Amino acid sequence: MLRYGGWYRGATFHGINLSPDDHGEVLEAKWRNWVEEESFKRIVFHMQVHCSKGSLTTGTRMPVSCFELLLPLPYHRRLWTAKTYLEWKQVYLTLVSHGPLQKISARQVLANPLIIVSLPDVYDSDCAQLILLHCISSMTRDYQQYLTVCEEQRLHRLLQSTRMINESHKSQDAVHRSLLIELLSMHVFAPFGHFELAAGREGQDEAKAAYRSAQIWSKSCKARQAVSHAGQAVRYLREIPLSQFTDFHAIITYQVSICLWIYGAIAANDATSSARGIPSIMSQQFALDTDETAKSQQWIILNGGIPAICQGVSRNGAEEGNQILLSSTQEVMVCLQELLPREALTGQSHVLISSVYDLMSALSTVRPGIFLS
């Protein structure tokens, strides 16, 4: 209905046409017209983000393409939260120094993410970055449906750009963006649908075929790239405060854990065995969930090294403990379960978190490929 109502088109939105001389009824009318436009604009973007999360959760495609987002980006939060038209005017004049305001759409940002670096102050930069990430999420899902090398490279470049932008624009939402960047990067290089089938979601026959596909994937450079991003996602999951941990974060925890579980049972186990007795840098152990190092890059490119995750790390990332090899799938899964704040959360609203915890408990007791026997 929003799309058919024209709320995805840029021409529908007139923006802010405000003069320092505006006052009284004229100013109030402009404010109310803007509030109506901004309300629909934020509804559209909220629905896009909501559908993107649903797509990541269920493995389905987005109902509306991100390339249809021709409407302008949301304005600054201070404008949106202004209580009166006088406050709204004062905030606007503070944010806009001179000249007419250029309308910048989400599709323009998708074509050139570096626009965000020089985004005018009147726009909501944090919201723009979130929209960009969920647009990439939509493209990632389409990529999994229509697998092409060209699209993979484009998605990877886009995510690399968002990573650099996020590093240069630190804010209270930066950790959440970093987590989403790593999750989407993992999905670019990992056939997650096959992982769930290999775990037995659709029965033995589907599991057998999916497991064989996972075996082929696990030997590729793409697999190591996906696992590297999964490790970084674990790092950022630890930085999410308990008060901000949601059902969506629980789904991310599950998806990351099953990627590490599949790889650990197939490829990492083989790599650990083959590295025994080789006194070289190629057999060195390293952690995936810390700052990226030369060892991790060497492993991605040359398959040299033994990947692991840290055990006993607090939610703020302090005090690294022992390292758990990915080949120790049960210990890895139990360690990742600790990311779920099941004991701290109670009530019906957190049933999904408990369900994810139980699912991970079940997976920790079996190995991928059990249905082949």
Protein backbone atom coordinates (compact mmCIF):
# COMPACT_ATOMS: atom_id res chain seq x y z
CA MET A 1 0.00 0.00 0.00
CA LEU A 2 2.87 2.37 0.76
CA ARG A 3 4.41 1.65 -2.62
CA TYR A 4 1.17 2.02 -4.54
CA GLY A 5 0.42 5.20 -2.58
CA GLY A 6 3.54 6.78 -4.08
CA TRP A 7 5.50 6.95 -0.83
CA TYR A 8 8.54 5.27 -2.38
CA ARG A 9 8.93 8.05 -4.97
CA GLY A 10 11.14 11.05 -4.44
CA ALA A 11 8.71 13.48 -6.08
CA THR A 12 6.13 12.78 -3.36
CA PHE A 13 8.30 14.54 -0.78
CA HIS A 14 8.75 18.30 -0.87
CA GLY A 15 11.21 18.50 2.00
CA ILE A 16 11.63 21.60 4.14
CA ASN A 17 11.03 24.99 2.57
CA LEU A 18 11.68 27.17 5.58
CA SER A 19 12.70 30.83 5.76
CA PRO A 20 14.13 32.59 8.84
CA ASP A 21 11.27 35.09 8.45
CA ASP A 22 8.53 32.44 8.74
CA HIS A 23 6.42 32.68 11.87
CA GLY A 24 2.93 32.15 13.23
CA GLU A 25 0.39 30.22 11.20
CA VAL A 26 2.64 30.02 8.13
CA LEU A 27 5.43 28.39 10.14
CA GLU A 28 3.03 26.03 11.90
CA ALA A 29 1.50 24.93 8.59
CA LYS A 30 4.94 24.17 7.14
CA TRP A 31 5.84 22.20 10.25
CA ARG A 32 2.66 20.11 10.15
CA ASN A 33 3.07 19.36 6.43
CA TRP A 34 6.66 18.28 7.07
CA VAL A 35 5.64 16.08 10.01
CA GLU A 36 3.16 14.23 7.78
CA GLU A 37 5.76 13.69 5.05
CA GLU A 38 8.47 12.64 7.49
CA SER A 39 6.06 10.24 9.20
CA PHE A 40 5.38 8.38 5.95
CA LYS A 41 9.07 8.48 5.06
CA ARG A 42 10.07 6.88 8.36
CA ILE A 43 7.30 4.30 8.05
CA VAL A 44 8.67 3.25 4.65
CA PHE A 45 12.22 2.90 5.95
CA HIS A 46 11.03 1.18 9.14
CA MET A 47 9.14 -1.38 7.03
CA GLN A 48 12.21 -1.91 4.84
CA VAL A 49 14.41 -2.60 7.88
CA HIS A 50 11.71 -4.81 9.42
CA CYS A 51 11.36 -6.86 6.23
CA SER A 52 15.14 -7.11 5.92
CA LYS A 53 15.37 -8.59 9.42
CA GLY A 54 12.57 -10.98 8.54
CA SER A 55 14.40 -11.97 5.35
CA LEU A 56 17.59 -12.69 7.30
CA THR A 57 15.62 -14.68 9.86
CA THR A 58 13.54 -16.81 7.50
CA GLY A 59 15.80 -17.00 4.44
CA THR A 60 13.16 -15.47 2.17
CA ARG A 61 13.48 -12.64 -0.32
CA MET A 62 12.46 -9.05 0.35
CA PRO A 63 8.93 -8.07 -0.80
CA VAL A 64 10.18 -4.70 -2.10
CA SER A 65 13.51 -4.12 -3.85
CA CYS A 66 15.91 -1.64 -2.27
CA PHE A 67 16.29 -0.02 -5.69
CA GLU A 68 12.74 1.32 -5.35
CA LEU A 69 13.78 3.54 -2.42
CA LEU A 70 13.78 6.81 -4.33
CA LEU A 71 12.47 8.82 -1.38
CA PRO A 72 14.87 11.13 0.50
CA LEU A 73 16.72 9.99 3.61
CA PRO A 74 15.19 10.78 7.02
CA TYR A 75 16.03 14.13 8.57
CA HIS A 76 17.98 14.60 11.79
CA ARG A 77 16.49 13.13 14.97
CA ARG A 78 16.43 16.52 16.63
CA LEU A 79 14.07 17.78 13.93
CA TRP A 80 11.89 14.70 14.23
CA THR A 81 11.64 14.97 18.02
CA ALA A 82 10.94 18.71 18.11
CA LYS A 83 7.85 19.35 20.26
CA THR A 84 6.74 22.65 18.68
CA TYR A 85 7.09 24.43 15.37
CA LEU A 86 9.28 27.07 17.06
CA GLU A 87 11.70 24.39 18.33
CA TRP A 88 11.62 22.76 14.89
CA LYS A 89 12.55 26.04 13.20
CA GLN A 90 15.38 26.71 15.65
CA VAL A 91 16.88 23.24 15.17
CA TYR A 92 16.60 23.48 11.38
CA LEU A 93 18.35 26.86 11.22
CA THR A 94 21.10 25.44 13.44
CA LEU A 95 21.64 22.44 11.15
CA VAL A 96 21.38 24.26 7.80
CA SER A 97 23.87 27.06 7.32
CA HIS A 98 22.96 28.37 3.85
CA GLY A 99 21.58 27.55 0.43
CA PRO A 100 18.80 25.22 -0.70
CA LEU A 101 18.78 21.69 0.71
CA GLN A 102 19.57 18.94 -1.77
CA LYS A 103 17.38 15.84 -1.58
CA ILE A 104 19.48 12.69 -1.17
CA SER A 105 17.77 9.33 -1.66
CA ALA A 106 18.63 5.90 -0.30
CA ARG A 107 19.29 4.68 -3.84
CA GLN A 108 21.89 7.42 -4.34
CA VAL A 109 23.66 6.27 -1.19
CA LEU A 110 23.54 2.68 -2.41
CA ALA A 111 25.16 3.75 -5.70
CA ASN A 112 27.86 5.69 -3.82
CA PRO A 113 28.13 4.92 -0.08
CA LEU A 114 30.78 7.63 0.39
CA ILE A 115 27.96 10.18 0.15
CA ILE A 116 27.37 9.45 3.84
CA VAL A 117 30.80 10.83 4.72
CA SER A 118 29.78 14.32 3.54
CA LEU A 119 26.07 14.01 4.34
CA PRO A 120 24.59 17.41 5.32
CA ASP A 121 23.97 17.78 9.06
CA VAL A 122 20.23 18.08 8.49
CA TYR A 123 20.06 14.35 7.64
CA ASP A 124 20.15 11.48 10.13
CA SER A 125 23.56 9.91 9.47
CA ASP A 126 23.05 6.96 11.82
CA CYS A 127 19.72 6.12 10.20
CA ALA A 128 21.26 6.48 6.72
CA GLN A 129 23.94 3.93 7.57
CA LEU A 130 21.35 1.50 8.93
CA ILE A 131 19.25 1.88 5.78
CA LEU A 132 22.32 1.28 3.60
CA LEU A 133 23.17 -1.92 5.49
CA HIS A 134 19.66 -3.30 5.15
CA CYS A 135 19.64 -2.44 1.44
CA ILE A 136 22.81 -4.51 1.14
CA SER A 137 21.01 -7.23 3.08
CA SER A 138 18.29 -7.24 0.41
CA MET A 139 20.93 -7.46 -2.33
CA THR A 140 22.66 -10.29 -0.46
CA ARG A 141 19.48 -12.33 -0.40
CA ASP A 142 18.99 -11.71 -4.13
CA TYR A 143 22.62 -12.67 -4.69
CA GLN A 144 22.05 -16.03 -3.04
CA GLN A 145 19.13 -16.55 -5.42
CA TYR A 146 20.99 -15.37 -8.54
CA LEU A 147 24.59 -16.30 -7.90
CA THR A 148 27.05 -14.32 -10.04
CA VAL A 149 30.69 -13.44 -9.45
CA CYS A 150 30.09 -9.85 -10.51
CA GLU A 151 27.36 -9.35 -7.92
CA GLU A 152 29.45 -10.97 -5.19
CA GLN A 153 32.29 -8.55 -5.83
CA ARG A 154 29.91 -5.58 -5.83
CA LEU A 155 28.36 -6.62 -2.54
CA HIS A 156 31.78 -7.14 -0.99
CA ARG A 157 32.94 -3.70 -2.12
CA LEU A 158 29.77 -2.11 -0.74
CA LEU A 159 30.25 -3.78 2.62
CA GLN A 160 33.92 -2.75 2.68
CA SER A 161 32.79 0.85 2.07
CA THR A 162 30.25 0.69 4.88
CA ARG A 163 32.92 -0.75 7.17
CA MET A 164 35.23 2.21 6.49
CA ILE A 165 32.38 4.70 6.94
CA ASN A 166 31.39 3.10 10.22
CA GLU A 167 34.98 3.28 11.47
CA SER A 168 35.14 6.99 10.70
CA HIS A 169 31.71 7.81 12.20
CA LYS A 170 31.79 6.39 15.70
CA SER A 171 28.55 6.73 17.66
CA GLN A 172 26.47 4.77 20.12
CA ASP A 173 25.08 2.73 17.22
CA ALA A 174 28.48 1.85 15.73
CA VAL A 175 28.68 -1.57 17.39
CA HIS A 176 25.23 -2.55 16.07
CA ARG A 177 26.27 -1.49 12.56
CA SER A 178 29.57 -3.37 12.83
CA LEU A 179 27.70 -6.51 13.84
CA LEU A 180 25.31 -6.22 10.89
CA ILE A 181 28.20 -5.58 8.48
CA GLU A 182 29.94 -8.77 9.60
CA LEU A 183 26.70 -10.79 9.44
CA LEU A 184 25.95 -9.63 5.89
CA SER A 185 29.55 -10.26 4.85
CA MET A 186 29.22 -13.80 6.19
CA HIS A 187 26.04 -14.31 4.15
CA VAL A 188 27.76 -13.13 0.96
CA PHE A 189 30.28 -15.97 1.19
CA ALA A 190 28.20 -18.67 2.94
CA PRO A 191 25.23 -20.66 1.57
CA PHE A 192 23.36 -20.40 4.85
CA GLY A 193 20.28 -22.20 3.53
CA HIS A 194 22.43 -25.30 2.96
CA PHE A 195 23.71 -25.09 6.54
CA GLU A 196 20.23 -25.30 8.01
CA LEU A 197 19.39 -28.21 5.74
CA ALA A 198 22.62 -29.96 6.75
CA ALA A 199 21.53 -29.52 10.37
CA GLY A 200 18.44 -31.60 9.57
CA ARG A 201 15.76 -28.94 9.23
CA GLU A 202 13.99 -30.70 6.32
CA GLY A 203 14.86 -34.31 7.12
CA GLN A 204 17.54 -36.83 6.20
CA ASP A 205 17.37 -36.72 2.41
CA GLU A 206 17.76 -32.94 2.26
CA ALA A 207 20.47 -33.10 4.93
CA LYS A 208 22.58 -35.53 2.92
CA ALA A 209 22.60 -33.39 -0.21
CA ALA A 210 23.22 -30.19 1.74
CA TYR A 211 26.07 -31.73 3.72
CA ARG A 212 27.86 -32.78 0.56
CA SER A 213 27.51 -29.23 -0.79
CA ALA A 214 28.86 -27.90 2.50
CA GLN A 215 31.86 -30.20 2.19
CA ILE A 216 32.73 -28.69 -1.18
CA TRP A 217 32.17 -25.15 0.10
CA SER A 218 34.33 -25.71 3.21
CA LYS A 219 37.43 -26.26 1.09
CA SER A 220 37.14 -22.88 -0.64
CA CYS A 221 38.55 -19.44 0.09
CA LYS A 222 34.95 -18.21 0.32
CA ALA A 223 34.39 -20.51 3.29
CA ARG A 224 37.34 -19.03 5.16
CA GLN A 225 36.12 -15.50 4.38
CA ALA A 226 32.66 -16.35 5.71
CA VAL A 227 34.07 -17.92 8.87
CA SER A 228 36.35 -14.93 9.42
CA HIS A 229 33.34 -12.59 9.32
CA ALA A 230 31.44 -14.94 11.62
CA GLY A 231 34.29 -14.68 14.11
CA GLN A 232 34.18 -10.89 13.97
CA ALA A 233 30.41 -11.03 14.52
CA VAL A 234 31.05 -12.99 17.72
CA ARG A 235 33.38 -10.21 18.79
CA TYR A 236 30.69 -7.55 18.32
CA LEU A 237 27.94 -9.67 19.88
CA ARG A 238 29.95 -9.56 23.09
CA GLU A 239 29.81 -5.77 22.97
CA ILE A 240 26.00 -5.58 22.82
CA PRO A 241 24.75 -4.53 26.30
CA LEU A 242 22.29 -6.92 27.92
CA SER A 243 19.66 -4.19 27.98
CA GLN A 244 19.87 -3.87 24.17
CA PHE A 245 19.99 -7.58 23.31
CA THR A 246 16.92 -8.46 21.22
CA ASP A 247 15.40 -11.44 19.44
CA PHE A 248 17.19 -10.30 16.28
CA HIS A 249 20.55 -10.57 18.07
CA ALA A 250 19.59 -14.09 19.11
CA ILE A 251 18.96 -15.00 15.46
CA ILE A 252 22.35 -13.53 14.54
CA THR A 253 23.98 -15.61 17.28
CA TYR A 254 22.37 -18.75 15.89
CA GLN A 255 23.35 -18.02 12.28
CA VAL A 256 26.95 -17.25 13.23
CA SER A 257 27.19 -20.35 15.41
CA ILE A 258 25.90 -22.70 12.72
CA CYS A 259 28.42 -21.30 10.21
CA LEU A 260 31.28 -21.96 12.65
CA TRP A 261 29.75 -25.35 13.53
CA ILE A 262 29.61 -26.56 9.93
CA TYR A 263 33.09 -25.33 9.06
CA GLY A 264 34.56 -26.60 12.32
CA ALA A 265 33.23 -30.11 11.79
CA ILE A 266 34.42 -30.39 8.19
CA ALA A 267 37.33 -28.16 7.19
CA ALA A 268 38.89 -27.06 10.47
CA ASN A 269 39.13 -30.64 11.68
CA ASP A 270 40.99 -31.63 8.50
CA ALA A 271 43.28 -28.59 8.75
CA THR A 272 44.15 -29.34 12.38
CA SER A 273 45.07 -32.93 11.54
CA SER A 274 47.19 -31.98 8.53
CA ALA A 275 49.02 -29.25 10.48
CA ARG A 276 50.25 -31.61 13.21
CA GLY A 277 54.00 -32.07 13.17
CA ILE A 278 54.59 -29.07 10.89
CA PRO A 279 56.80 -26.60 12.83
CA SER A 280 55.95 -23.54 10.78
CA ILE A 281 53.76 -20.45 10.76
CA MET A 282 51.27 -22.47 8.73
CA SER A 283 50.38 -24.48 11.85
CA GLN A 284 49.99 -21.54 14.24
CA GLN A 285 46.72 -21.14 16.13
CA PHE A 286 44.88 -17.80 16.04
CA ALA A 287 41.56 -16.35 17.26
CA LEU A 288 38.88 -15.21 14.82
CA ASP A 289 37.00 -13.05 17.35
CA THR A 290 39.74 -10.50 18.08
CA ASP A 291 41.27 -7.69 16.02
CA GLU A 292 42.07 -8.95 12.55
CA THR A 293 45.72 -9.90 12.19
CA ALA A 294 48.17 -11.00 9.52
CA LYS A 295 47.57 -14.59 10.68
CA SER A 296 43.87 -14.41 9.89
CA GLN A 297 44.54 -12.91 6.43
CA GLN A 298 47.16 -15.59 5.76
CA TRP A 299 44.62 -18.23 6.70
CA ILE A 300 41.95 -16.77 4.41
CA ILE A 301 44.28 -16.57 1.41
CA LEU A 302 46.62 -19.55 1.92
CA ASN A 303 44.65 -21.73 4.34
CA GLY A 304 47.66 -21.53 6.66
CA GLY A 305 46.89 -21.64 10.36
CA ILE A 306 44.43 -23.14 12.82
CA PRO A 307 41.31 -21.01 13.54
CA ALA A 308 39.82 -20.75 17.02
CA ILE A 309 37.59 -18.53 19.14
CA CYS A 310 38.28 -17.15 22.60
CA GLN A 311 36.76 -18.75 25.69
CA GLY A 312 35.78 -16.91 28.84
CA VAL A 313 35.64 -13.43 27.30
CA SER A 314 33.30 -11.00 29.05
CA ARG A 315 30.56 -9.15 27.14
CA ASN A 316 32.72 -6.01 26.95
CA GLY A 317 35.54 -7.98 25.34
CA ALA A 318 37.89 -7.85 28.32
CA GLU A 319 40.06 -10.67 29.66
CA GLU A 320 40.66 -13.09 26.84
CA GLY A 321 40.66 -16.65 28.08
CA ASN A 322 41.78 -19.87 26.45
CA GLN A 323 41.16 -20.49 22.78
CA ILE A 324 38.80 -23.18 21.46
CA LEU A 325 39.63 -24.73 18.10
CA LEU A 326 36.75 -24.62 15.63
CA SER A 327 37.17 -28.37 15.23
CA SER A 328 35.92 -28.70 18.84
CA THR A 329 32.36 -28.09 17.69
CA GLN A 330 30.66 -28.92 20.98
CA GLU A 331 32.86 -26.57 23.00
CA VAL A 332 32.44 -23.83 20.37
CA MET A 333 28.66 -24.10 20.47
CA VAL A 334 28.58 -24.07 24.28
CA CYS A 335 30.84 -21.00 24.30
CA LEU A 336 28.56 -19.18 21.83
CA GLN A 337 25.50 -20.06 23.89
CA GLU A 338 26.94 -17.83 26.60
CA LEU A 339 26.30 -14.85 24.30
CA LEU A 340 22.57 -15.34 24.85
CA PRO A 341 21.42 -13.53 28.02
CA ARG A 342 18.86 -16.23 28.77
CA GLU A 343 19.23 -16.06 32.54
CA ALA A 344 18.95 -12.26 32.62
CA LEU A 345 15.77 -12.14 30.53
CA THR A 346 12.40 -13.46 31.53
CA GLY A 347 8.90 -13.19 30.21
CA GLN A 348 6.99 -14.08 27.07
CA SER A 349 8.84 -11.50 24.95
CA HIS A 350 12.04 -13.50 25.17
CA VAL A 351 10.71 -16.95 24.29
CA LEU A 352 12.65 -16.85 21.02
CA ILE A 353 15.96 -16.30 22.84
CA SER A 354 15.30 -19.36 25.00
CA SER A 355 14.32 -21.35 21.89
CA VAL A 356 17.57 -20.41 20.15
CA TYR A 357 19.47 -21.42 23.29
CA ASP A 358 17.78 -24.84 23.28
CA LEU A 359 18.42 -25.29 19.55
CA MET A 360 22.11 -24.53 20.02
CA SER A 361 22.18 -26.99 22.94
CA ALA A 362 20.80 -29.69 20.66
CA LEU A 363 23.30 -28.91 17.89
CA SER A 364 26.19 -29.02 20.35
CA THR A 365 25.55 -32.72 20.94
CA VAL A 366 25.67 -33.79 17.28
CA ARG A 367 27.93 -33.26 14.30
CA PRO A 368 27.01 -32.20 10.76
CA GLY A 369 26.78 -35.21 8.48
CA ILE A 370 25.19 -37.46 11.07
CA PHE A 371 22.51 -38.34 8.51
CA LEU A 372 25.15 -39.76 6.14
CA SER A 373 25.73 -42.71 8.46
